N, C-alpha and C. Protein backbone atom coordinates (compact mmCIF):
# COMPACT_ATOMS: atom_id res chain seq x y z
N MET A 1 0.84 -1.23 0.02
CA MET A 1 -0.03 0.08 0.03
C MET A 1 1.00 1.25 0.13
N LEU A 2 0.45 2.24 -0.80
CA LEU A 2 1.28 3.39 -0.87
C LEU A 2 0.98 4.24 0.18
N THR A 3 2.04 4.79 0.74
CA THR A 3 1.67 5.94 1.72
C THR A 3 2.43 7.21 1.26
N TRP A 4 1.86 8.39 1.71
CA TRP A 4 2.54 9.73 1.33
C TRP A 4 3.05 10.24 2.72
N GLU A 5 4.04 10.95 2.53
CA GLU A 5 4.59 11.92 3.62
C GLU A 5 4.54 13.23 3.56
N LEU A 6 3.76 13.92 4.48
CA LEU A 6 3.71 15.29 4.50
C LEU A 6 4.21 15.86 5.86
N LYS A 7 5.03 16.73 5.67
CA LYS A 7 5.82 17.46 6.99
C LYS A 7 6.17 16.27 7.93
N GLY A 8 6.85 15.21 7.28
CA GLY A 8 7.39 14.20 8.17
C GLY A 8 6.50 13.19 8.76
N LYS A 9 5.15 13.33 8.34
CA LYS A 9 4.01 12.48 8.96
C LYS A 9 3.55 11.63 7.84
N ARG A 10 3.47 10.33 8.08
CA ARG A 10 3.04 9.43 7.06
C ARG A 10 1.46 9.41 7.14
N MET A 11 1.01 9.53 5.81
CA MET A 11 -0.51 9.60 5.66
C MET A 11 -0.89 8.54 4.68
N LYS A 12 -2.00 7.78 4.90
CA LYS A 12 -2.54 6.73 3.88
C LYS A 12 -3.16 7.52 2.84
N PRO A 13 -3.29 6.91 1.73
CA PRO A 13 -4.07 7.62 0.68
C PRO A 13 -5.50 7.89 0.97
N ASN A 14 -6.21 7.02 1.74
CA ASN A 14 -7.53 7.45 2.04
C ASN A 14 -7.71 8.69 2.82
N THR A 15 -6.81 8.93 3.74
CA THR A 15 -6.72 10.24 4.44
C THR A 15 -6.67 11.38 3.41
N LEU A 16 -5.72 11.28 2.49
CA LEU A 16 -5.49 12.21 1.55
C LEU A 16 -6.68 12.34 0.63
N GLU A 17 -7.28 11.11 0.25
CA GLU A 17 -8.50 11.23 -0.61
C GLU A 17 -9.59 11.95 0.00
N LEU A 18 -9.78 11.74 1.33
CA LEU A 18 -10.88 12.41 2.11
C LEU A 18 -10.57 13.91 2.15
N ASP A 19 -9.41 14.35 2.24
CA ASP A 19 -9.03 15.74 2.14
C ASP A 19 -9.40 16.34 0.85
N HIS A 20 -8.95 15.69 -0.20
CA HIS A 20 -9.17 16.10 -1.51
C HIS A 20 -10.59 16.01 -1.85
N GLN A 21 -11.28 14.89 -1.66
CA GLN A 21 -12.69 14.94 -2.01
C GLN A 21 -13.53 15.99 -1.25
N SER A 22 -13.24 16.27 0.02
CA SER A 22 -13.78 17.36 0.74
C SER A 22 -13.69 18.74 0.11
N LEU A 23 -12.42 19.02 -0.31
CA LEU A 23 -12.20 20.15 -0.96
C LEU A 23 -12.88 20.39 -2.24
N LEU A 24 -12.87 19.34 -2.98
CA LEU A 24 -13.66 19.18 -4.42
C LEU A 24 -15.04 19.43 -4.02
N ASP A 25 -15.62 18.87 -3.04
CA ASP A 25 -17.17 19.09 -2.70
C ASP A 25 -17.44 20.52 -2.46
N ILE A 26 -16.54 21.29 -1.79
CA ILE A 26 -16.76 22.69 -1.45
C ILE A 26 -16.61 23.57 -2.89
N VAL A 27 -15.66 23.00 -3.60
CA VAL A 27 -15.58 23.76 -5.09
C VAL A 27 -16.74 23.62 -5.79
N ARG A 28 -17.17 22.22 -6.05
CA ARG A 28 -18.44 21.98 -6.68
C ARG A 28 -19.77 22.76 -6.07
N MET A 29 -19.95 22.68 -4.88
CA MET A 29 -20.97 23.22 -4.39
C MET A 29 -21.00 24.75 -4.51
N SER A 30 -19.64 25.45 -4.52
CA SER A 30 -19.75 26.80 -4.89
C SER A 30 -20.05 27.02 -6.26
N ALA A 31 -19.70 26.19 -7.31
CA ALA A 31 -19.98 26.32 -8.62
C ALA A 31 -21.53 26.27 -8.81
N MET A 32 -22.16 25.38 -8.10
CA MET A 32 -23.55 24.98 -8.22
C MET A 32 -24.37 26.25 -7.64
N LEU A 33 -23.87 26.86 -6.61
CA LEU A 33 -24.50 27.88 -6.01
C LEU A 33 -24.43 29.14 -6.92
N PHE A 34 -23.36 29.24 -7.50
CA PHE A 34 -23.07 30.50 -8.55
C PHE A 34 -24.05 30.40 -9.71
N LYS A 35 -24.26 29.03 -10.27
CA LYS A 35 -25.19 28.91 -11.25
C LYS A 35 -26.62 29.24 -10.88
N LEU A 36 -26.98 28.59 -9.64
CA LEU A 36 -28.38 28.93 -9.09
C LEU A 36 -28.56 30.59 -8.91
N SER A 37 -27.58 31.14 -8.29
CA SER A 37 -27.68 32.64 -8.21
C SER A 37 -27.83 33.44 -9.46
N ASP A 38 -27.01 32.90 -10.42
CA ASP A 38 -27.17 33.55 -11.93
C ASP A 38 -28.50 33.45 -12.35
N ARG A 39 -28.99 32.26 -12.23
CA ARG A 39 -30.28 32.03 -12.68
C ARG A 39 -31.31 32.81 -12.00
N PHE A 40 -31.35 32.87 -10.74
CA PHE A 40 -32.22 33.75 -9.87
C PHE A 40 -32.04 35.37 -10.13
N PHE A 41 -31.00 35.69 -10.15
CA PHE A 41 -30.69 37.20 -10.35
C PHE A 41 -30.91 37.72 -11.60
N SER A 42 -30.76 36.90 -12.75
CA SER A 42 -30.92 37.24 -14.12
C SER A 42 -32.45 37.49 -14.24
N GLN A 43 -33.41 36.80 -13.46
CA GLN A 43 -34.80 37.01 -13.54
C GLN A 43 -35.20 38.32 -12.99
N HIS A 44 -34.29 38.92 -12.15
CA HIS A 44 -34.63 40.20 -11.42
C HIS A 44 -33.81 41.41 -12.18
N GLY A 45 -33.31 41.20 -13.13
CA GLY A 45 -32.37 42.20 -13.87
C GLY A 45 -31.23 42.95 -13.12
N VAL A 46 -30.56 41.86 -12.31
CA VAL A 46 -29.41 42.34 -11.68
C VAL A 46 -28.56 41.24 -11.50
N THR A 47 -27.26 41.40 -11.39
CA THR A 47 -26.17 40.49 -11.14
C THR A 47 -26.22 40.07 -9.63
N LYS A 48 -25.31 39.00 -9.63
CA LYS A 48 -25.18 38.57 -8.08
C LYS A 48 -24.11 39.56 -7.46
N SER A 49 -23.32 39.95 -8.21
CA SER A 49 -22.20 41.00 -7.80
C SER A 49 -22.85 42.13 -7.41
N GLN A 50 -23.70 42.56 -8.20
CA GLN A 50 -24.60 43.91 -7.92
C GLN A 50 -25.37 43.82 -6.57
N PHE A 51 -25.97 42.60 -6.45
CA PHE A 51 -26.90 42.33 -5.49
C PHE A 51 -26.03 42.42 -4.24
N ALA A 52 -24.85 41.83 -4.27
CA ALA A 52 -24.10 41.61 -3.17
C ALA A 52 -23.64 43.14 -2.73
N VAL A 53 -23.26 43.88 -3.66
CA VAL A 53 -22.94 45.31 -3.28
C VAL A 53 -24.10 45.99 -2.46
N LEU A 54 -25.35 45.93 -3.04
CA LEU A 54 -26.49 46.39 -2.59
C LEU A 54 -26.72 46.10 -1.27
N MET A 55 -26.68 44.67 -0.90
CA MET A 55 -26.77 44.13 0.51
C MET A 55 -25.67 44.58 1.54
N ALA A 56 -24.58 44.54 1.05
CA ALA A 56 -23.46 45.11 1.93
C ALA A 56 -23.69 46.60 2.27
N VAL A 57 -23.95 47.47 1.39
CA VAL A 57 -24.21 48.74 1.79
C VAL A 57 -25.58 48.87 2.51
N ASN A 58 -26.50 48.25 2.24
CA ASN A 58 -27.66 48.33 3.00
C ASN A 58 -27.37 47.87 4.46
N GLU A 59 -26.63 46.89 4.65
CA GLU A 59 -26.32 46.48 5.98
C GLU A 59 -25.86 47.38 6.92
N VAL A 60 -24.96 48.33 6.44
CA VAL A 60 -24.27 49.33 7.30
C VAL A 60 -25.13 50.66 7.27
N GLY A 61 -26.04 50.71 6.58
CA GLY A 61 -27.03 51.92 6.67
C GLY A 61 -26.63 53.09 5.92
N GLU A 62 -26.96 54.40 6.50
CA GLU A 62 -26.63 55.46 5.77
C GLU A 62 -25.15 55.95 5.84
N GLY A 63 -24.43 55.34 6.77
CA GLY A 63 -23.01 55.80 6.87
C GLY A 63 -22.20 55.11 5.58
N GLY A 64 -22.75 54.24 4.86
CA GLY A 64 -22.01 53.71 3.68
C GLY A 64 -20.71 53.08 3.95
N LEU A 65 -20.06 52.63 2.71
CA LEU A 65 -18.79 51.99 2.77
C LEU A 65 -17.87 52.43 1.92
N THR A 66 -16.61 52.56 2.24
CA THR A 66 -15.66 53.09 1.20
C THR A 66 -15.40 51.72 0.29
N GLN A 67 -14.69 51.99 -0.81
CA GLN A 67 -14.58 50.95 -1.81
C GLN A 67 -13.62 50.09 -1.24
N GLN A 68 -12.57 50.34 -0.39
CA GLN A 68 -11.85 49.68 0.32
C GLN A 68 -12.61 48.48 1.23
N GLU A 69 -13.50 49.09 2.10
CA GLU A 69 -14.25 48.22 2.91
C GLU A 69 -15.21 47.37 2.19
N LEU A 70 -15.87 47.78 0.99
CA LEU A 70 -16.66 46.93 0.22
C LEU A 70 -15.86 45.82 -0.34
N SER A 71 -14.58 46.06 -0.81
CA SER A 71 -13.80 45.08 -1.45
C SER A 71 -13.44 43.87 -0.47
N GLU A 72 -13.15 44.37 0.81
CA GLU A 72 -12.85 43.31 1.96
C GLU A 72 -14.07 42.58 2.25
N ARG A 73 -15.28 43.11 2.27
CA ARG A 73 -16.45 42.49 2.60
C ARG A 73 -16.87 41.43 1.45
N LEU A 74 -16.68 41.91 0.22
CA LEU A 74 -16.92 40.88 -0.83
C LEU A 74 -15.79 40.07 -1.19
N VAL A 75 -14.74 40.17 -0.65
CA VAL A 75 -13.52 39.45 -0.81
C VAL A 75 -13.13 39.32 -2.46
N VAL A 76 -13.03 40.68 -2.88
CA VAL A 76 -12.56 40.93 -4.42
C VAL A 76 -11.47 42.02 -4.15
N HIS A 77 -10.88 42.21 -5.26
CA HIS A 77 -9.82 43.20 -5.38
C HIS A 77 -10.44 44.59 -5.49
N LYS A 78 -10.06 45.48 -4.89
CA LYS A 78 -10.46 46.79 -5.02
C LYS A 78 -10.63 47.39 -6.36
N SER A 79 -9.77 46.96 -7.28
CA SER A 79 -9.89 47.44 -8.73
C SER A 79 -11.18 46.75 -9.49
N ASN A 80 -11.67 45.56 -8.98
CA ASN A 80 -12.85 45.16 -9.42
C ASN A 80 -14.10 45.77 -8.94
N VAL A 81 -13.95 46.40 -7.69
CA VAL A 81 -14.96 47.14 -7.15
C VAL A 81 -15.43 48.46 -7.83
N THR A 82 -14.27 49.09 -8.20
CA THR A 82 -14.37 50.36 -8.78
C THR A 82 -15.34 50.32 -10.08
N GLY A 83 -15.03 49.18 -10.99
CA GLY A 83 -15.88 49.25 -12.27
C GLY A 83 -17.20 48.76 -11.83
N LEU A 84 -17.34 48.03 -10.78
CA LEU A 84 -18.77 47.60 -10.46
C LEU A 84 -19.49 48.72 -9.96
N ILE A 85 -18.76 49.57 -8.98
CA ILE A 85 -19.50 50.81 -8.59
C ILE A 85 -19.88 51.76 -9.65
N ASP A 86 -18.94 51.96 -10.60
CA ASP A 86 -19.20 52.75 -11.74
C ASP A 86 -20.60 52.40 -12.44
N ARG A 87 -20.66 51.10 -12.84
CA ARG A 87 -21.88 50.72 -13.47
C ARG A 87 -22.97 50.76 -12.43
N LEU A 88 -22.93 50.57 -11.27
CA LEU A 88 -24.13 50.70 -10.27
C LEU A 88 -24.54 52.24 -10.38
N GLU A 89 -23.61 53.23 -10.18
CA GLU A 89 -23.90 54.40 -10.18
C GLU A 89 -24.51 55.07 -11.38
N LYS A 90 -24.20 54.42 -12.61
CA LYS A 90 -24.84 54.89 -13.93
C LYS A 90 -26.30 54.55 -13.74
N LYS A 91 -26.72 53.42 -13.04
CA LYS A 91 -28.07 52.96 -13.05
C LYS A 91 -28.83 53.71 -11.74
N LYS A 92 -28.07 54.39 -11.07
CA LYS A 92 -28.61 55.02 -9.74
C LYS A 92 -28.97 54.00 -8.66
N PHE A 93 -28.25 52.87 -8.66
CA PHE A 93 -28.35 51.92 -7.66
C PHE A 93 -27.39 52.40 -6.36
N VAL A 94 -26.32 53.09 -6.66
CA VAL A 94 -25.62 53.56 -5.48
C VAL A 94 -25.24 54.93 -5.87
N ALA A 95 -24.56 55.69 -4.94
CA ALA A 95 -24.07 57.11 -5.07
C ALA A 95 -22.76 56.97 -4.21
N ARG A 96 -22.03 57.88 -4.77
CA ARG A 96 -20.67 58.08 -4.19
C ARG A 96 -20.82 59.38 -3.38
N LYS A 97 -20.47 59.45 -2.06
CA LYS A 97 -20.62 60.73 -1.47
C LYS A 97 -19.27 60.99 -0.57
N ALA A 98 -18.94 62.18 -0.44
CA ALA A 98 -17.87 62.46 0.36
C ALA A 98 -18.02 62.04 1.86
N ARG A 99 -17.01 61.43 2.57
CA ARG A 99 -17.04 61.08 3.94
C ARG A 99 -17.19 62.26 4.85
N PRO A 100 -17.95 62.35 5.65
CA PRO A 100 -17.97 63.44 6.60
C PRO A 100 -16.62 63.72 7.22
N GLY A 101 -16.07 64.87 7.03
CA GLY A 101 -14.80 65.21 7.85
C GLY A 101 -13.67 64.75 6.97
N ASP A 102 -13.85 64.11 5.94
CA ASP A 102 -12.70 63.57 5.13
C ASP A 102 -13.17 63.73 3.45
N ARG A 103 -13.27 64.77 2.97
CA ARG A 103 -13.78 64.91 1.46
C ARG A 103 -12.78 64.21 0.42
N ARG A 104 -11.59 63.77 0.89
CA ARG A 104 -10.89 62.94 0.03
C ARG A 104 -11.30 61.31 -0.14
N CYS A 105 -12.08 61.06 0.76
CA CYS A 105 -12.74 59.55 0.91
C CYS A 105 -14.25 59.71 0.41
N ASN A 106 -14.47 58.88 -0.46
CA ASN A 106 -16.11 58.73 -0.80
C ASN A 106 -16.42 57.34 -0.16
N VAL A 107 -17.63 57.39 0.22
CA VAL A 107 -18.37 56.23 0.71
C VAL A 107 -19.60 55.94 -0.30
N ILE A 108 -19.89 54.45 -0.48
CA ILE A 108 -20.91 54.23 -1.41
C ILE A 108 -22.03 53.94 -0.51
N VAL A 109 -23.04 54.72 -0.90
CA VAL A 109 -24.28 54.67 -0.17
C VAL A 109 -25.35 54.14 -1.32
N LEU A 110 -26.64 53.59 -0.78
CA LEU A 110 -27.76 53.34 -1.69
C LEU A 110 -28.37 54.43 -2.40
N GLY A 111 -28.60 54.30 -3.76
CA GLY A 111 -29.12 55.26 -4.53
C GLY A 111 -30.65 54.88 -4.63
N PRO A 112 -31.58 55.66 -5.15
CA PRO A 112 -33.05 55.50 -5.13
C PRO A 112 -33.55 54.09 -6.01
N ASN A 113 -32.69 53.81 -7.12
CA ASN A 113 -32.97 52.66 -7.71
C ASN A 113 -32.49 51.35 -6.90
N GLY A 114 -31.27 51.49 -6.37
CA GLY A 114 -30.85 50.37 -5.29
C GLY A 114 -31.93 50.03 -4.54
N VAL A 115 -32.45 51.09 -3.83
CA VAL A 115 -33.47 50.70 -2.81
C VAL A 115 -34.68 49.99 -3.53
N LYS A 116 -34.96 50.27 -4.55
CA LYS A 116 -36.29 49.66 -5.36
C LYS A 116 -35.83 48.16 -5.58
N VAL A 117 -34.55 48.05 -6.20
CA VAL A 117 -34.06 46.73 -6.46
C VAL A 117 -34.12 45.77 -5.07
N LEU A 118 -33.60 46.38 -4.08
CA LEU A 118 -33.60 45.59 -2.73
C LEU A 118 -35.02 45.28 -2.20
N GLN A 119 -35.93 46.30 -2.52
CA GLN A 119 -37.26 45.98 -1.92
C GLN A 119 -37.77 45.04 -2.74
N LYS A 120 -37.55 44.88 -4.05
CA LYS A 120 -38.15 43.92 -5.03
C LYS A 120 -37.61 42.51 -4.89
N VAL A 121 -36.20 42.36 -4.74
CA VAL A 121 -35.64 41.10 -4.68
C VAL A 121 -35.23 40.52 -3.42
N GLN A 122 -34.96 41.29 -2.45
CA GLN A 122 -34.44 40.80 -1.03
C GLN A 122 -35.55 39.70 -0.60
N GLY A 123 -36.63 40.01 -0.56
CA GLY A 123 -37.59 39.00 0.11
C GLY A 123 -37.77 37.55 -0.78
N PRO A 124 -37.73 37.58 -2.03
CA PRO A 124 -37.70 36.24 -2.92
C PRO A 124 -36.48 35.75 -2.47
N TYR A 125 -35.32 36.59 -2.55
CA TYR A 125 -33.97 35.93 -2.40
C TYR A 125 -33.79 35.09 -1.14
N LEU A 126 -34.34 35.85 -0.02
CA LEU A 126 -34.26 35.21 1.35
C LEU A 126 -35.16 33.93 1.46
N GLN A 127 -36.25 34.01 0.85
CA GLN A 127 -37.03 32.79 0.59
C GLN A 127 -36.40 31.59 -0.02
N GLU A 128 -35.63 31.96 -1.03
CA GLU A 128 -35.01 30.88 -1.67
C GLU A 128 -33.70 30.35 -0.89
N VAL A 129 -33.07 31.20 -0.24
CA VAL A 129 -32.12 30.93 0.78
C VAL A 129 -32.72 29.88 1.79
N GLN A 130 -33.78 30.42 2.42
CA GLN A 130 -34.44 29.36 3.30
C GLN A 130 -34.72 28.08 2.76
N ARG A 131 -35.38 28.10 1.48
CA ARG A 131 -35.81 26.82 0.99
C ARG A 131 -34.61 25.92 0.71
N MET A 132 -33.66 26.50 0.05
CA MET A 132 -32.48 25.71 -0.07
C MET A 132 -31.72 25.17 1.21
N MET A 133 -31.61 25.84 2.32
CA MET A 133 -31.01 25.31 3.50
C MET A 133 -31.85 24.66 4.30
N SER A 134 -33.21 24.46 4.05
CA SER A 134 -34.25 23.72 4.66
C SER A 134 -34.13 22.30 4.89
N CYS A 135 -33.10 21.74 3.99
CA CYS A 135 -32.78 20.30 4.18
C CYS A 135 -31.84 20.01 5.39
N LEU A 136 -31.18 20.99 6.03
CA LEU A 136 -30.36 20.91 7.24
C LEU A 136 -31.03 21.27 8.38
N THR A 137 -30.82 20.59 9.58
CA THR A 137 -31.33 20.85 10.70
C THR A 137 -30.48 22.11 11.33
N THR A 138 -30.97 22.69 12.52
CA THR A 138 -30.14 23.91 13.12
C THR A 138 -28.71 23.37 13.44
N PRO A 139 -28.89 22.25 14.13
CA PRO A 139 -27.37 21.89 14.55
C PRO A 139 -26.54 21.58 13.43
N GLU A 140 -26.96 21.03 12.26
CA GLU A 140 -26.08 20.85 11.07
C GLU A 140 -25.71 22.17 10.59
N LYS A 141 -26.67 23.25 10.48
CA LYS A 141 -26.22 24.46 10.01
C LYS A 141 -25.07 25.09 10.79
N GLU A 142 -25.22 24.99 12.21
CA GLU A 142 -24.33 25.45 13.10
C GLU A 142 -23.05 24.70 12.97
N GLY A 143 -22.91 23.34 12.74
CA GLY A 143 -21.80 22.71 12.59
C GLY A 143 -21.00 23.19 11.20
N LEU A 144 -21.78 23.34 10.12
CA LEU A 144 -21.39 23.78 8.87
C LEU A 144 -20.71 25.06 8.96
N ARG A 145 -21.31 25.98 9.80
CA ARG A 145 -20.59 27.38 10.16
C ARG A 145 -19.44 27.18 10.62
N ASN A 146 -19.27 26.27 11.72
CA ASN A 146 -18.12 26.15 12.51
C ASN A 146 -16.92 25.61 11.62
N CYS A 147 -17.32 24.53 10.78
CA CYS A 147 -16.30 24.05 9.93
C CYS A 147 -15.82 25.03 8.91
N PHE A 148 -16.74 25.96 8.41
CA PHE A 148 -16.27 26.84 7.36
C PHE A 148 -15.55 27.93 8.09
N GLU A 149 -15.70 28.27 9.33
CA GLU A 149 -14.96 29.30 10.30
C GLU A 149 -13.49 28.75 10.29
N LYS A 150 -13.47 27.45 10.59
CA LYS A 150 -11.94 26.86 10.80
C LYS A 150 -11.34 26.79 9.41
N LEU A 151 -11.95 26.55 8.40
CA LEU A 151 -11.43 26.60 7.05
C LEU A 151 -11.05 27.97 6.62
N LYS A 152 -11.84 28.87 6.89
CA LYS A 152 -11.54 30.32 6.51
C LYS A 152 -10.33 30.71 7.23
N SER A 153 -10.11 30.39 8.56
CA SER A 153 -8.99 30.73 9.44
C SER A 153 -7.75 30.27 8.73
N SER A 154 -7.88 28.97 8.31
CA SER A 154 -6.69 28.37 7.66
C SER A 154 -6.28 28.86 6.38
N VAL A 155 -7.24 29.06 5.51
CA VAL A 155 -7.11 29.76 4.28
C VAL A 155 -6.55 31.32 4.34
N ASN A 156 -7.13 31.92 5.24
CA ASN A 156 -6.69 33.31 5.49
C ASN A 156 -5.17 33.30 5.98
N ASN A 157 -4.79 32.13 6.78
CA ASN A 157 -3.44 32.06 7.14
C ASN A 157 -2.51 31.79 5.95
N MET A 158 -2.98 30.98 5.05
CA MET A 158 -2.18 30.66 3.87
C MET A 158 -2.06 31.94 2.90
N LEU A 159 -3.18 32.60 2.82
CA LEU A 159 -3.06 33.81 1.95
C LEU A 159 -2.10 34.91 2.54
N GLY A 160 -2.06 34.89 3.79
CA GLY A 160 -1.09 35.78 4.62
C GLY A 160 0.35 35.37 4.26
N LYS A 161 0.50 34.24 3.84
CA LYS A 161 2.01 33.80 3.77
C LYS A 161 2.53 34.28 2.19
N GLY A 162 1.43 34.69 1.48
CA GLY A 162 1.83 35.27 0.10
C GLY A 162 2.51 34.05 -0.78
N PRO A 163 3.82 34.48 -1.20
CA PRO A 163 4.44 33.52 -2.10
C PRO A 163 4.93 32.28 -1.49
N LYS A 164 4.81 32.13 -0.30
CA LYS A 164 5.31 30.98 0.43
C LYS A 164 4.20 29.90 0.23
N TRP A 165 3.16 30.08 -0.32
CA TRP A 165 2.17 29.13 -0.76
C TRP A 165 1.81 29.19 -1.99
N PRO A 166 1.54 28.11 -2.72
CA PRO A 166 1.77 26.70 -2.28
C PRO A 166 3.10 26.30 -2.17
N LEU A 167 3.46 25.47 -1.24
CA LEU A 167 4.72 24.91 -0.96
C LEU A 167 5.33 24.36 -2.42
N SER A 168 6.73 24.83 -2.51
CA SER A 168 7.33 24.24 -3.68
C SER A 168 7.51 22.80 -3.49
N ILE A 169 7.51 22.09 -4.53
CA ILE A 169 7.81 20.65 -4.72
C ILE A 169 9.35 20.37 -5.04
N THR A 170 10.06 19.94 -4.09
CA THR A 170 11.47 19.63 -4.34
C THR A 170 11.89 18.22 -4.05
């Protein structure tokens, strides 16, 4: 039977297989959720990215978010947020406003059409989320969130190492 050595520790193929299959399950589920969300949001004339911005800005209220804060919340590069905000601003979904006390910094706030979109889409969206998640019990949902919190911490640690990850094969 083949064994693998990682960090001086012998591992059986079935352990590595479980790790790999678990990671693939996450990737596949993510792809499936993106397909479903594309289907849902296209029916409402908005993209999932646009809706994510509207939800994030709505969560913080009238104080708005800077583009940097928005990029951190959405886990996307700040340059991607700039184009997205430009398109949303043209549709009057959001507006850029000078931050009180610091006119050099803009905050993103909901525009009149953004409020309308949220009023129209948020209810049906949350209903679909509930419908999708109804197959899990409350303890299962809590367990899932705990597992993802652990994974998020591990991935954030890897991201923080920059070019040291992935490990080079020598």
